[in-house]
Amino acid sequence: MTSPSTVDDVSQAMSESFLHLSQNDTDEVSLTQDDFTNTYHTNDISMYLKMAQSLDKKDKKDKKKETDRSKLQRSSLDKIGFDKHSIESESTLEQVDKDANADVPVSGQELFKMIKPYLEEWKEDSGDDSILGSMEESAITTPPQLREYNDIKLELQKLKQQNEQLAKENAFLKNDSSKYKYMMIKKDNDELSNENAYLNNQIKQLTKQQEYQREKANLEIEKLTKKIGNPTQMINESNLEPKFNHYYKKLQLYKLDHLSNVELSNIIKNIMLSLLITDFNNLPRMMSKLGKYIQITNNFIDQLHHRVYNNNTNPSMYLRQMELDLKDLQLCLNDLLNKYT
């Protein structure tokens, strides 16, 4: 079998070999390499070859057109790597033609080996890998090691997406937690503010009550002060008249200083009720007058009694001695009166 004369001839020859696959019982080529199994359509390979052919034609238009058909043929074969792989490509095409005539299915890996030299050479010369890079991964175009790498890469991309999703959820939860904490703190602050307002109101009420009690206490103190009077005006042994000094202790006047207002009031009231001789307004003057009156009448009765009975007993002893009953004094004075009537 002779070598293809042009790129079109190469493409046509390889396409015819690939079309042989579609004439089999199935439209797919099964690959089995170790434990890897995948399928690949022959139509895809034909598409890739057409894409490579189209790019090759575009590149040829930019170059100087050669009038010589042999030079054009040689230049075209050089661009697709025919010099480096002429023997390999020729044997490959012969093998494809032989397999096509023999109606024997060609494996996907063998097809990949056939087109790989041309595609690699075209890639090196053109410097553009966008077409090859955009080819879908399959059992034919992707080696097992690259497929494993791509599987890991896809898995990493999935994990990255999951990580981003988890990060978003975590950020949402943090934001939601911050809102919840803010709401709880605001609630606590509101409760504390209400409690503070309540306590301030209680303090104001207690302050008012305290002021009222203070005013009330001041009024009571003022009343007590008036009741107690001026202590400097109190009669005591030092400011008593000299003629009464020796009676101060004898009469136990100092005990009056320790009596309550009620007790003193009762004593004065009892004195006034016993005498029945004066009102309260005239009591101080009447008390002095009464004292003098008792003293005068005492002396008169004692002298009269002494002249009538000529003894040492005197009616005044009933006044000085608390144990003597005044009934006896009454009988004595009645006898005295009967003698002179």
C-alpha atoms as a PDB file:
ATOM      1  CA  MET A   1       0.000   0.000   0.000  1.00  0.00           C
ATOM      2  CA  THR A   2       1.361   3.419  -0.992  1.00  0.00           C
ATOM      3  CA  SER A   3       1.522   6.432   1.315  1.00  0.00           C
ATOM      4  CA  PRO A   4      -1.251   9.035   1.117  1.00  0.00           C
ATOM      5  CA  SER A   5      -0.417  11.867  -1.217  1.00  0.00           C
ATOM      6  CA  THR A   6      -2.223  14.690   0.609  1.00  0.00           C
ATOM      7  CA  VAL A   7      -3.818  15.506   3.916  1.00  0.00           C
ATOM      8  CA  ASP A   8      -7.180  14.915   2.272  1.00  0.00           C
ATOM      9  CA  ASP A   9      -6.044  11.492   1.176  1.00  0.00           C
ATOM     10  CA  VAL A  10      -4.864  10.720   4.710  1.00  0.00           C
ATOM     11  CA  SER A  11      -8.119  11.926   6.183  1.00  0.00           C
ATOM     12  CA  GLN A  12     -10.127  10.004   3.616  1.00  0.00           C
ATOM     13  CA  ALA A  13      -8.144   6.848   4.218  1.00  0.00           C
ATOM     14  CA  MET A  14      -8.534   7.080   7.988  1.00  0.00           C
ATOM     15  CA  SER A  15     -12.216   8.004   7.681  1.00  0.00           C
ATOM     16  CA  GLU A  16     -12.776   4.936   5.540  1.00  0.00           C
ATOM     17  CA  SER A  17     -11.072   2.863   8.208  1.00  0.00           C
ATOM     18  CA  PHE A  18     -13.307   4.428  10.894  1.00  0.00           C
ATOM     19  CA  LEU A  19     -16.418   3.903   8.752  1.00  0.00           C
ATOM     20  CA  HIS A  20     -15.623   0.241   8.812  1.00  0.00           C
ATOM     21  CA  LEU A  21     -16.486   0.326  12.501  1.00  0.00           C
ATOM     22  CA  SER A  22     -19.989   1.679  11.844  1.00  0.00           C
ATOM     23  CA  GLN A  23     -20.697  -1.241   9.517  1.00  0.00           C
ATOM     24  CA  ASN A  24     -20.343  -3.702  12.396  1.00  0.00           C
ATOM     25  CA  ASP A  25     -23.228  -4.930  14.505  1.00  0.00           C
ATOM     26  CA  THR A  26     -22.799  -2.067  17.003  1.00  0.00           C
ATOM     27  CA  ASP A  27     -22.077   1.657  16.621  1.00  0.00           C
ATOM     28  CA  GLU A  28     -19.663   1.765  19.539  1.00  0.00           C
ATOM     29  CA  VAL A  29     -16.095   0.538  20.013  1.00  0.00           C
ATOM     30  CA  SER A  30     -15.478  -1.177  23.352  1.00  0.00           C
ATOM     31  CA  LEU A  31     -12.149  -0.692  25.108  1.00  0.00           C
ATOM     32  CA  THR A  32     -10.784  -2.996  27.730  1.00  0.00           C
ATOM     33  CA  GLN A  33      -7.554  -1.999  29.443  1.00  0.00           C
ATOM     34  CA  ASP A  34      -6.939  -3.494  32.880  1.00  0.00           C
ATOM     35  CA  ASP A  35     -10.137  -2.745  34.845  1.00  0.00           C
ATOM     36  CA  PHE A  36     -11.145   0.332  32.758  1.00  0.00           C
ATOM     37  CA  THR A  37     -14.118   0.133  30.343  1.00  0.00           C
ATOM     38  CA  ASN A  38     -15.519   2.954  28.233  1.00  0.00           C
ATOM     39  CA  THR A  39     -17.144   3.582  24.797  1.00  0.00           C
ATOM     40  CA  TYR A  40     -16.287   5.886  21.971  1.00  0.00           C
ATOM     41  CA  HIS A  41     -18.172   6.778  18.744  1.00  0.00           C
ATOM     42  CA  THR A  42     -16.373   6.748  15.399  1.00  0.00           C
ATOM     43  CA  ASN A  43     -18.235   9.875  14.394  1.00  0.00           C
ATOM     44  CA  ASP A  44     -16.314  11.789  17.086  1.00  0.00           C
ATOM     45  CA  ILE A  45     -12.957  10.739  15.588  1.00  0.00           C
ATOM     46  CA  SER A  46     -14.101  11.844  12.162  1.00  0.00           C
ATOM     47  CA  MET A  47     -15.099  15.205  13.696  1.00  0.00           C
ATOM     48  CA  TYR A  48     -11.667  15.650  15.303  1.00  0.00           C
ATOM     49  CA  LEU A  49      -9.924  14.872  11.998  1.00  0.00           C
ATOM     50  CA  LYS A  50     -12.094  17.372  10.161  1.00  0.00           C
ATOM     51  CA  MET A  51     -11.281  20.001  12.768  1.00  0.00           C
ATOM     52  CA  ALA A  52      -7.548  19.313  12.406  1.00  0.00           C
ATOM     53  CA  GLN A  53      -7.888  19.396   8.619  1.00  0.00           C
ATOM     54  CA  SER A  54      -9.736  22.730   8.717  1.00  0.00           C
ATOM     55  CA  LEU A  55      -7.062  24.327  10.882  1.00  0.00           C
ATOM     56  CA  ASP A  56      -4.343  22.915   8.661  1.00  0.00           C
ATOM     57  CA  LYS A  57      -5.966  24.417   5.562  1.00  0.00           C
ATOM     58  CA  LYS A  58      -6.225  27.783   7.278  1.00  0.00           C
ATOM     59  CA  ASP A  59      -2.527  27.669   8.111  1.00  0.00           C
ATOM     60  CA  LYS A  60      -1.658  26.763   4.519  1.00  0.00           C
ATOM     61  CA  LYS A  61      -3.477  29.820   3.142  1.00  0.00           C
ATOM     62  CA  ASP A  62      -1.118  32.136   5.018  1.00  0.00           C
ATOM     63  CA  LYS A  63       1.941  30.629   3.408  1.00  0.00           C
ATOM     64  CA  LYS A  64       3.309  31.071  -0.023  1.00  0.00           C
ATOM     65  CA  LYS A  65       1.471  28.880  -2.488  1.00  0.00           C
ATOM     66  CA  GLU A  66       3.698  26.575  -4.369  1.00  0.00           C
ATOM     67  CA  THR A  67       2.963  25.849  -7.931  1.00  0.00           C
ATOM     68  CA  ASP A  68       4.767  22.583  -7.755  1.00  0.00           C
ATOM     69  CA  ARG A  69       2.373  19.793  -6.695  1.00  0.00           C
ATOM     70  CA  SER A  70       5.219  17.701  -5.392  1.00  0.00           C
ATOM     71  CA  LYS A  71       6.522  20.602  -3.213  1.00  0.00           C
ATOM     72  CA  LEU A  72       3.017  21.235  -1.932  1.00  0.00           C
ATOM     73  CA  GLN A  73       2.676  17.546  -1.160  1.00  0.00           C
ATOM     74  CA  ARG A  74       6.036  17.486   0.621  1.00  0.00           C
ATOM     75  CA  SER A  75       5.238  20.684   2.586  1.00  0.00           C
ATOM     76  CA  SER A  76       1.856  19.317   3.665  1.00  0.00           C
ATOM     77  CA  LEU A  77       3.363  16.031   4.810  1.00  0.00           C
ATOM     78  CA  ASP A  78       6.073  17.877   6.758  1.00  0.00           C
ATOM     79  CA  LYS A  79       3.504  19.964   8.637  1.00  0.00           C
ATOM     80  CA  ILE A  80       1.628  16.901   9.806  1.00  0.00           C
ATOM     81  CA  GLY A  81       4.825  15.111  10.799  1.00  0.00           C
ATOM     82  CA  PHE A  82       5.065  12.725   7.874  1.00  0.00           C
ATOM     83  CA  ASP A  83       8.899  12.861   7.831  1.00  0.00           C
ATOM     84  CA  LYS A  84       9.197  11.664  11.375  1.00  0.00           C
ATOM     85  CA  HIS A  85       6.456   9.117  11.165  1.00  0.00           C
ATOM     86  CA  SER A  86       6.252   8.236   7.456  1.00  0.00           C
ATOM     87  CA  ILE A  87       7.148   4.628   8.035  1.00  0.00           C
ATOM     88  CA  GLU A  88       4.853   4.413  11.039  1.00  0.00           C
ATOM     89  CA  SER A  89       1.991   6.198   9.270  1.00  0.00           C
ATOM     90  CA  GLU A  90       2.400   4.110   6.127  1.00  0.00           C
ATOM     91  CA  SER A  91       2.366   0.897   8.091  1.00  0.00           C
ATOM     92  CA  THR A  92      -0.545   2.224  10.111  1.00  0.00           C
ATOM     93  CA  LEU A  93      -2.590   3.059   7.009  1.00  0.00           C
ATOM     94  CA  GLU A  94      -1.723  -0.283   5.501  1.00  0.00           C
ATOM     95  CA  GLN A  95      -2.864  -1.914   8.712  1.00  0.00           C
ATOM     96  CA  VAL A  96      -6.113   0.077   8.672  1.00  0.00           C
ATOM     97  CA  ASP A  97      -6.722  -0.813   5.028  1.00  0.00           C
ATOM     98  CA  LYS A  98      -5.903  -4.433   5.731  1.00  0.00           C
ATOM     99  CA  ASP A  99      -8.206  -4.479   8.722  1.00  0.00           C
ATOM    100  CA  ALA A 100     -10.948  -2.791   6.730  1.00  0.00           C
ATOM    101  CA  ASN A 101     -10.691  -5.359   3.944  1.00  0.00           C
ATOM    102  CA  ALA A 102     -10.610  -8.143   6.501  1.00  0.00           C
ATOM    103  CA  ASP A 103     -13.754  -6.706   8.197  1.00  0.00           C
ATOM    104  CA  VAL A 104     -12.065  -7.029  11.606  1.00  0.00           C
ATOM    105  CA  PRO A 105     -13.055  -4.489  14.310  1.00  0.00           C
ATOM    106  CA  VAL A 106     -10.322  -2.047  15.262  1.00  0.00           C
ATOM    107  CA  SER A 107      -9.877  -1.298  18.959  1.00  0.00           C
ATOM    108  CA  GLY A 108     -10.192   2.246  20.229  1.00  0.00           C
ATOM    109  CA  GLN A 109      -6.621   2.226  21.503  1.00  0.00           C
ATOM    110  CA  GLU A 110      -5.290   1.295  18.060  1.00  0.00           C
ATOM    111  CA  LEU A 111      -7.278   4.169  16.516  1.00  0.00           C
ATOM    112  CA  PHE A 112      -5.805   6.574  19.056  1.00  0.00           C
ATOM    113  CA  LYS A 113      -2.285   5.361  18.183  1.00  0.00           C
ATOM    114  CA  MET A 114      -2.976   5.983  14.510  1.00  0.00           C
ATOM    115  CA  ILE A 115      -4.028   9.613  14.853  1.00  0.00           C
ATOM    116  CA  LYS A 116      -1.794  10.528  17.801  1.00  0.00           C
ATOM    117  CA  PRO A 117       1.415  11.289  15.746  1.00  0.00           C
ATOM    118  CA  TYR A 118      -0.431  13.649  13.411  1.00  0.00           C
ATOM    119  CA  LEU A 119      -2.225  15.458  16.185  1.00  0.00           C
ATOM    120  CA  GLU A 120       0.938  15.891  18.271  1.00  0.00           C
ATOM    121  CA  GLU A 121       2.946  17.167  15.291  1.00  0.00           C
ATOM    122  CA  TRP A 122       0.168  19.565  14.338  1.00  0.00           C
ATOM    123  CA  LYS A 123      -0.031  20.773  17.929  1.00  0.00           C
ATOM    124  CA  GLU A 124       3.738  21.469  18.060  1.00  0.00           C
ATOM    125  CA  ASP A 125       3.730  23.372  14.753  1.00  0.00           C
ATOM    126  CA  SER A 126       0.570  25.419  15.323  1.00  0.00           C
ATOM    127  CA  GLY A 127       1.184  26.164  19.001  1.00  0.00           C
ATOM    128  CA  ASP A 128      -2.582  26.119  19.554  1.00  0.00           C
ATOM    129  CA  ASP A 129      -4.023  23.453  21.804  1.00  0.00           C
ATOM    130  CA  SER A 130      -7.499  24.972  22.095  1.00  0.00           C
ATOM    131  CA  ILE A 131      -9.088  22.375  19.818  1.00  0.00           C
ATOM    132  CA  LEU A 132      -7.390  19.409  21.405  1.00  0.00           C
ATOM    133  CA  GLY A 133      -7.998  20.882  24.848  1.00  0.00           C
ATOM    134  CA  SER A 134     -11.682  21.212  24.080  1.00  0.00           C
ATOM    135  CA  MET A 135     -12.070  17.600  22.994  1.00  0.00           C
ATOM    136  CA  GLU A 136     -14.321  15.606  25.242  1.00  0.00           C
ATOM    137  CA  GLU A 137     -12.573  13.022  27.367  1.00  0.00           C
ATOM    138  CA  SER A 138     -13.138   9.498  26.192  1.00  0.00           C
ATOM    139  CA  ALA A 139     -11.581   6.102  26.258  1.00  0.00           C
ATOM    140  CA  ILE A 140      -9.736   6.855  23.008  1.00  0.00           C
ATOM    141  CA  THR A 141      -8.491  10.442  23.440  1.00  0.00           C
ATOM    142  CA  THR A 142      -7.708  10.221  27.155  1.00  0.00           C
ATOM    143  CA  PRO A 143      -5.058   7.811  28.483  1.00  0.00           C
ATOM    144  CA  PRO A 144      -5.885   5.879  31.690  1.00  0.00           C
ATOM    145  CA  GLN A 145      -3.411   7.907  33.795  1.00  0.00           C
ATOM    146  CA  LEU A 146      -4.916  11.187  32.578  1.00  0.00           C
ATOM    147  CA  ARG A 147      -8.427   9.899  33.170  1.00  0.00           C
ATOM    148  CA  GLU A 148      -7.478   9.027  36.728  1.00  0.00           C
ATOM    149  CA  TYR A 149      -5.992  12.504  37.183  1.00  0.00           C
ATOM    150  CA  ASN A 150      -9.117  14.101  35.745  1.00  0.00           C
ATOM    151  CA  ASP A 151     -11.296  11.991  38.031  1.00  0.00           C
ATOM    152  CA  ILE A 152      -9.287  13.199  41.011  1.00  0.00           C
ATOM    153  CA  LYS A 153      -9.504  16.756  39.700  1.00  0.00           C
ATOM    154  CA  LEU A 154     -13.288  16.484  39.380  1.00  0.00           C
ATOM    155  CA  GLU A 155     -13.491  15.038  42.868  1.00  0.00           C
ATOM    156  CA  LEU A 156     -11.395  17.920  44.178  1.00  0.00           C
ATOM    157  CA  GLN A 157     -13.688  20.385  42.412  1.00  0.00           C
ATOM    158  CA  LYS A 158     -16.699  18.734  44.024  1.00  0.00           C
ATOM    159  CA  LEU A 159     -15.014  18.869  47.411  1.00  0.00           C
ATOM    160  CA  LYS A 160     -14.136  22.517  46.808  1.00  0.00           C
ATOM    161  CA  GLN A 161     -17.752  23.297  45.944  1.00  0.00           C
ATOM    162  CA  GLN A 162     -18.911  21.438  49.048  1.00  0.00           C
ATOM    163  CA  ASN A 163     -16.358  23.351  51.107  1.00  0.00           C
ATOM    164  CA  GLU A 164     -17.597  26.659  49.686  1.00  0.00           C
ATOM    165  CA  GLN A 165     -21.168  25.646  50.448  1.00  0.00           C
ATOM    166  CA  LEU A 166     -20.215  24.678  53.985  1.00  0.00           C
ATOM    167  CA  ALA A 167     -18.371  27.987  54.358  1.00  0.00           C
ATOM    168  CA  LYS A 168     -21.502  29.856  53.250  1.00  0.00           C
ATOM    169  CA  GLU A 169     -23.642  27.841  55.656  1.00  0.00           C
ATOM    170  CA  ASN A 170     -21.130  28.448  58.434  1.00  0.00           C
ATOM    171  CA  ALA A 171     -21.112  32.174  57.693  1.00  0.00           C
ATOM    172  CA  PHE A 172     -24.909  32.156  57.684  1.00  0.00           C
ATOM    173  CA  LEU A 173     -24.983  30.283  60.976  1.00  0.00           C
ATOM    174  CA  LYS A 174     -22.440  32.686  62.462  1.00  0.00           C
ATOM    175  CA  ASN A 175     -24.463  35.626  61.242  1.00  0.00           C
ATOM    176  CA  ASP A 176     -27.654  34.045  62.584  1.00  0.00           C
ATOM    177  CA  SER A 177     -25.897  33.295  65.873  1.00  0.00           C
ATOM    178  CA  SER A 178     -24.725  36.911  66.082  1.00  0.00           C
ATOM    179  CA  LYS A 179     -28.273  38.099  65.493  1.00  0.00           C
ATOM    180  CA  TYR A 180     -29.522  35.737  68.184  1.00  0.00           C
ATOM    181  CA  LYS A 181     -26.855  36.950  70.615  1.00  0.00           C
ATOM    182  CA  TYR A 182     -27.711  40.558  69.743  1.00  0.00           C
ATOM    183  CA  MET A 183     -31.408  39.885  70.364  1.00  0.00           C
ATOM    184  CA  MET A 184     -30.661  38.165  73.684  1.00  0.00           C
ATOM    185  CA  ILE A 185     -28.362  41.011  74.790  1.00  0.00           C
ATOM    186  CA  LYS A 186     -30.980  43.570  73.742  1.00  0.00           C
ATOM    187  CA  LYS A 187     -33.617  41.627  75.668  1.00  0.00           C
ATOM    188  CA  ASP A 188     -31.400  41.525  78.754  1.00  0.00           C
ATOM    189  CA  ASN A 189     -30.679  45.248  78.402  1.00  0.00           C
ATOM    190  CA  ASP A 190     -34.394  45.998  78.135  1.00  0.00           C
ATOM    191  CA  GLU A 191     -35.104  43.918  81.231  1.00  0.00           C
ATOM    192  CA  LEU A 192     -32.293  45.635  83.118  1.00  0.00           C
ATOM    193  CA  SER A 193     -33.566  49.041  81.984  1.00  0.00           C
ATOM    194  CA  ASN A 194     -37.068  48.217  83.203  1.00  0.00           C
ATOM    195  CA  GLU A 195     -35.717  46.925  86.488  1.00  0.00           C
ATOM    196  CA  ASN A 196     -33.531  50.023  86.839  1.00  0.00           C
ATOM    197  CA  ALA A 197     -36.544  52.273  86.198  1.00  0.00           C
ATOM    198  CA  TYR A 198     -38.557  50.316  88.777  1.00  0.00           C
ATOM    199  CA  LEU A 199     -35.773  50.616  91.352  1.00  0.00           C
ATOM    200  CA  ASN A 200     -35.401  54.344  90.661  1.00  0.00           C
ATOM    201  CA  ASN A 201     -39.126  54.776  91.228  1.00  0.00           C
ATOM    202  CA  GLN A 202     -38.861  52.812  94.480  1.00  0.00           C
ATOM    203  CA  ILE A 203     -35.943  54.996  95.559  1.00  0.00           C
ATOM    204  CA  LYS A 204     -37.974  58.132  94.863  1.00  0.00           C
ATOM    205  CA  GLN A 205     -40.890  56.812  96.894  1.00  0.00           C
ATOM    206  CA  LEU A 206     -38.612  55.800  99.755  1.00  0.00           C
ATOM    207  CA  THR A 207     -36.954  59.215  99.614  1.00  0.00           C
ATOM    208  CA  LYS A 208     -40.346  60.906  99.882  1.00  0.00           C
ATOM    209  CA  GLN A 209     -41.299  58.674 102.800  1.00  0.00           C
ATOM    210  CA  GLN A 210     -37.992  59.400 104.467  1.00  0.00           C
ATOM    211  CA  GLU A 211     -38.496  63.139 104.057  1.00  0.00           C
ATOM    212  CA  TYR A 212     -42.010  62.839 105.489  1.00  0.00           C
ATOM    213  CA  GLN A 213     -40.740  60.829 108.456  1.00  0.00           C
ATOM    214  CA  ARG A 214     -37.958  63.353 108.992  1.00  0.00           C
ATOM    215  CA  GLU A 215     -40.417  66.233 109.011  1.00  0.00           C
ATOM    216  CA  LYS A 216     -42.687  64.306 111.340  1.00  0.00           C
ATOM    217  CA  ALA A 217     -39.777  63.548 113.639  1.00  0.00           C
ATOM    218  CA  ASN A 218     -38.773  67.209 113.663  1.00  0.00           C
ATOM    219  CA  LEU A 219     -42.307  68.166 114.656  1.00  0.00           C
ATOM    220  CA  GLU A 220     -42.282  65.585 117.445  1.00  0.00           C
ATOM    221  CA  ILE A 221     -38.925  66.835 118.649  1.00  0.00           C
ATOM    222  CA  GLU A 222     -40.244  70.364 118.620  1.00  0.00           C
ATOM    223  CA  LYS A 223     -43.263  69.286 120.646  1.00  0.00           C
ATOM    224  CA  LEU A 224     -41.106  67.396 123.106  1.00  0.00           C
ATOM    225  CA  THR A 225     -38.782  70.339 123.396  1.00  0.00           C
ATOM    226  CA  LYS A 226     -41.718  72.533 124.288  1.00  0.00           C
ATOM    227  CA  LYS A 227     -42.926  69.977 126.827  1.00  0.00           C
ATOM    228  CA  ILE A 228     -39.529  69.581 128.383  1.00  0.00           C
ATOM    229  CA  GLY A 229     -38.913  73.265 128.421  1.00  0.00           C
ATOM    230  CA  ASN A 230     -35.659  75.053 128.978  1.00  0.00           C
ATOM    231  CA  PRO A 231     -33.442  72.947 131.284  1.00  0.00           C
ATOM    232  CA  THR A 232     -31.655  76.066 132.492  1.00  0.00           C
ATOM    233  CA  GLN A 233     -34.885  77.275 134.075  1.00  0.00           C
ATOM    234  CA  MET A 234     -35.359  74.111 136.150  1.00  0.00           C
ATOM    235  CA  ILE A 235     -35.446  74.598 139.982  1.00  0.00           C
ATOM    236  CA  ASN A 236     -32.671  72.709 141.677  1.00  0.00           C
ATOM    237  CA  GLU A 237     -30.713  72.865 144.884  1.00  0.00           C
ATOM    238  CA  SER A 238     -28.286  75.423 143.506  1.00  0.00           C
ATOM    239  CA  ASN A 239     -30.831  78.042 142.429  1.00  0.00           C
ATOM    240  CA  LEU A 240     -33.359  77.480 145.256  1.00  0.00           C
ATOM    241  CA  GLU A 241     -34.033  80.282 147.717  1.00  0.00           C
ATOM    242  CA  PRO A 242     -31.765  79.999 150.749  1.00  0.00           C
ATOM    243  CA  LYS A 243     -34.629  79.549 153.197  1.00  0.00           C
ATOM    244  CA  PHE A 244     -35.723  76.408 151.334  1.00  0.00           C
ATOM    245  CA  ASN A 245     -32.309  74.852 150.744  1.00  0.00           C
ATOM    246  CA  HIS A 246     -32.483  72.557 153.739  1.00  0.00           C
ATOM    247  CA  TYR A 247     -35.903  71.314 152.555  1.00  0.00           C
ATOM    248  CA  TYR A 248     -34.742  70.273 149.058  1.00  0.00           C
ATOM    249  CA  LYS A 249     -33.423  66.868 150.091  1.00  0.00           C
ATOM    250  CA  LYS A 250     -35.752  66.506 153.046  1.00  0.00           C
ATOM    251  CA  LEU A 251     -38.759  66.898 150.796  1.00  0.00           C
ATOM    252  CA  GLN A 252     -37.081  64.774 148.051  1.00  0.00           C
ATOM    253  CA  LEU A 253     -37.614  67.422 145.443  1.00  0.00           C
ATOM    254  CA  TYR A 254     -34.854  65.956 143.238  1.00  0.00           C
ATOM    255  CA  LYS A 255     -37.140  63.011 142.414  1.00  0.00           C
ATOM    256  CA  LEU A 256     -39.402  65.297 140.452  1.00  0.00           C
ATOM    257  CA  ASP A 257     -36.618  65.743 137.892  1.00  0.00           C
ATOM    258  CA  HIS A 258     -36.913  62.078 136.892  1.00  0.00           C
ATOM    259  CA  LEU A 259     -40.678  61.935 136.481  1.00  0.00           C
ATOM    260  CA  SER A 260     -42.328  61.827 133.105  1.00  0.00           C
ATOM    261  CA  ASN A 261     -44.582  64.533 131.839  1.00  0.00           C
ATOM    262  CA  VAL A 262     -47.581  62.341 132.522  1.00  0.00           C
ATOM    263  CA  GLU A 263     -46.551  61.729 136.105  1.00  0.00           C
ATOM    264  CA  LEU A 264     -45.896  65.392 136.765  1.00  0.00           C
ATOM    265  CA  SER A 265     -49.192  66.305 135.160  1.00  0.00           C
ATOM    266  CA  ASN A 266     -51.045  63.824 137.359  1.00  0.00           C
ATOM    267  CA  ILE A 267     -49.394  65.156 140.519  1.00  0.00           C
ATOM    268  CA  ILE A 268     -50.409  68.716 139.778  1.00  0.00           C
ATOM    269  CA  LYS A 269     -53.934  67.670 138.923  1.00  0.00           C
ATOM    270  CA  ASN A 270     -54.277  65.717 142.180  1.00  0.00           C
ATOM    271  CA  ILE A 271     -53.043  68.697 144.203  1.00  0.00           C
ATOM    272  CA  MET A 272     -55.556  70.986 142.590  1.00  0.00           C
ATOM    273  CA  LEU A 273     -58.384  68.495 143.104  1.00  0.00           C
ATOM    274  CA  SER A 274     -57.427  68.034 146.737  1.00  0.00           C
ATOM    275  CA  LEU A 275     -57.369  71.746 147.531  1.00  0.00           C
ATOM    276  CA  LEU A 276     -60.265  72.829 145.336  1.00  0.00           C
ATOM    277  CA  ILE A 277     -59.326  76.407 145.942  1.00  0.00           C
ATOM    278  CA  THR A 278     -57.979  77.706 142.667  1.00  0.00           C
ATOM    279  CA  ASP A 279     -57.787  77.242 138.939  1.00  0.00           C
ATOM    280  CA  PHE A 280     -54.669  76.422 136.968  1.00  0.00           C
ATOM    281  CA  ASN A 281     -53.999  79.990 135.907  1.00  0.00           C
ATOM    282  CA  ASN A 282     -53.812  81.138 139.566  1.00  0.00           C
ATOM    283  CA  LEU A 283     -52.168  77.998 140.907  1.00  0.00           C
ATOM    284  CA  PRO A 284     -48.597  79.357 141.352  1.00  0.00           C
ATOM    285  CA  ARG A 285     -49.782  82.366 143.315  1.00  0.00           C
ATOM    286  CA  MET A 286     -52.367  80.332 145.251  1.00  0.00           C
ATOM    287  CA  MET A 287     -49.812  77.679 146.217  1.00  0.00           C
ATOM    288  CA  SER A 288     -47.638  80.331 147.878  1.00  0.00           C
ATOM    289  CA  LYS A 289     -50.659  81.797 149.598  1.00  0.00           C
ATOM    290  CA  LEU A 290     -51.819  78.393 150.753  1.00  0.00           C
ATOM    291  CA  GLY A 291     -48.470  77.649 152.291  1.00  0.00           C
ATOM    292  CA  LYS A 292     -48.569  80.813 154.318  1.00  0.00           C
ATOM    293  CA  TYR A 293     -52.161  80.165 155.327  1.00  0.00           C
ATOM    294  CA  ILE A 294     -51.349  76.703 156.657  1.00  0.00           C
ATOM    295  CA  GLN A 295     -48.397  78.044 158.573  1.00  0.00           C
ATOM    296  CA  ILE A 296     -50.520  80.787 160.250  1.00  0.00           C
ATOM    297  CA  THR A 297     -53.405  78.534 161.160  1.00  0.00           C
ATOM    298  CA  ASN A 298     -51.051  75.843 162.454  1.00  0.00           C
ATOM    299  CA  ASN A 299     -49.424  78.216 164.883  1.00  0.00           C
ATOM    300  CA  PHE A 300     -52.788  79.516 166.112  1.00  0.00           C
ATOM    301  CA  ILE A 301     -54.275  76.071 166.706  1.00  0.00           C
ATOM    302  CA  ASP A 302     -51.137  74.826 168.472  1.00  0.00           C
ATOM    303  CA  GLN A 303     -51.112  77.825 170.864  1.00  0.00           C
ATOM    304  CA  LEU A 304     -54.816  77.537 171.569  1.00  0.00           C
ATOM    305  CA  HIS A 305     -54.527  73.848 172.195  1.00  0.00           C
ATOM    306  CA  HIS A 306     -51.651  74.426 174.577  1.00  0.00           C
ATOM    307  CA  ARG A 307     -53.574  76.977 176.645  1.00  0.00           C
ATOM    308  CA  VAL A 308     -56.649  74.792 176.955  1.00  0.00           C
ATOM    309  CA  TYR A 309     -55.035  71.442 177.690  1.00  0.00           C
ATOM    310  CA  ASN A 310     -51.624  72.542 178.909  1.00  0.00           C
ATOM    311  CA  ASN A 311     -49.768  69.633 177.355  1.00  0.00           C
ATOM    312  CA  ASN A 312     -47.070  69.169 174.749  1.00  0.00           C
ATOM    313  CA  THR A 313     -49.277  67.713 172.060  1.00  0.00           C
ATOM    314  CA  ASN A 314     -50.063  70.003 169.181  1.00  0.00           C
ATOM    315  CA  PRO A 315     -52.629  69.603 166.374  1.00  0.00           C
ATOM    316  CA  SER A 316     -49.887  70.300 163.774  1.00  0.00           C
ATOM    317  CA  MET A 317     -48.341  66.900 164.471  1.00  0.00           C
ATOM    318  CA  TYR A 318     -51.182  65.350 162.433  1.00  0.00           C
ATOM    319  CA  LEU A 319     -49.868  67.237 159.454  1.00  0.00           C
ATOM    320  CA  ARG A 320     -46.229  66.325 159.917  1.00  0.00           C
ATOM    321  CA  GLN A 321     -46.697  62.670 160.827  1.00  0.00           C
ATOM    322  CA  MET A 322     -48.095  60.651 157.970  1.00  0.00           C
ATOM    323  CA  GLU A 323     -49.161  57.699 160.131  1.00  0.00           C
ATOM    324  CA  LEU A 324     -51.638  59.746 162.226  1.00  0.00           C
ATOM    325  CA  ASP A 325     -55.255  59.791 161.163  1.00  0.00           C
ATOM    326  CA  LEU A 326     -56.964  63.128 160.765  1.00  0.00           C
ATOM    327  CA  LYS A 327     -60.102  61.784 162.463  1.00  0.00           C
ATOM    328  CA  ASP A 328     -58.383  62.137 165.796  1.00  0.00           C
ATOM    329  CA  LEU A 329     -57.545  65.721 164.966  1.00  0.00           C
ATOM    330  CA  GLN A 330     -61.190  66.338 164.195  1.00  0.00           C
ATOM    331  CA  LEU A 331     -62.312  64.962 167.578  1.00  0.00           C
ATOM    332  CA  CYS A 332     -59.686  67.012 169.377  1.00  0.00           C
ATOM    333  CA  LEU A 333     -60.746  70.235 167.761  1.00  0.00           C
ATOM    334  CA  ASN A 334     -64.415  69.483 168.446  1.00  0.00           C
ATOM    335  CA  ASP A 335     -63.688  69.075 172.196  1.00  0.00           C
ATOM    336  CA  LEU A 336     -61.765  72.304 172.160  1.00  0.00           C
ATOM    337  CA  LEU A 337     -64.700  74.072 170.654  1.00  0.00           C
ATOM    338  CA  ASN A 338     -67.190  72.606 173.163  1.00  0.00           C
ATOM    339  CA  LYS A 339     -65.247  73.978 176.121  1.00  0.00           C
ATOM    340  CA  TYR A 340     -65.625  77.554 174.978  1.00  0.00           C
ATOM    341  CA  THR A 341     -69.270  77.420 173.986  1.00  0.00           C
END
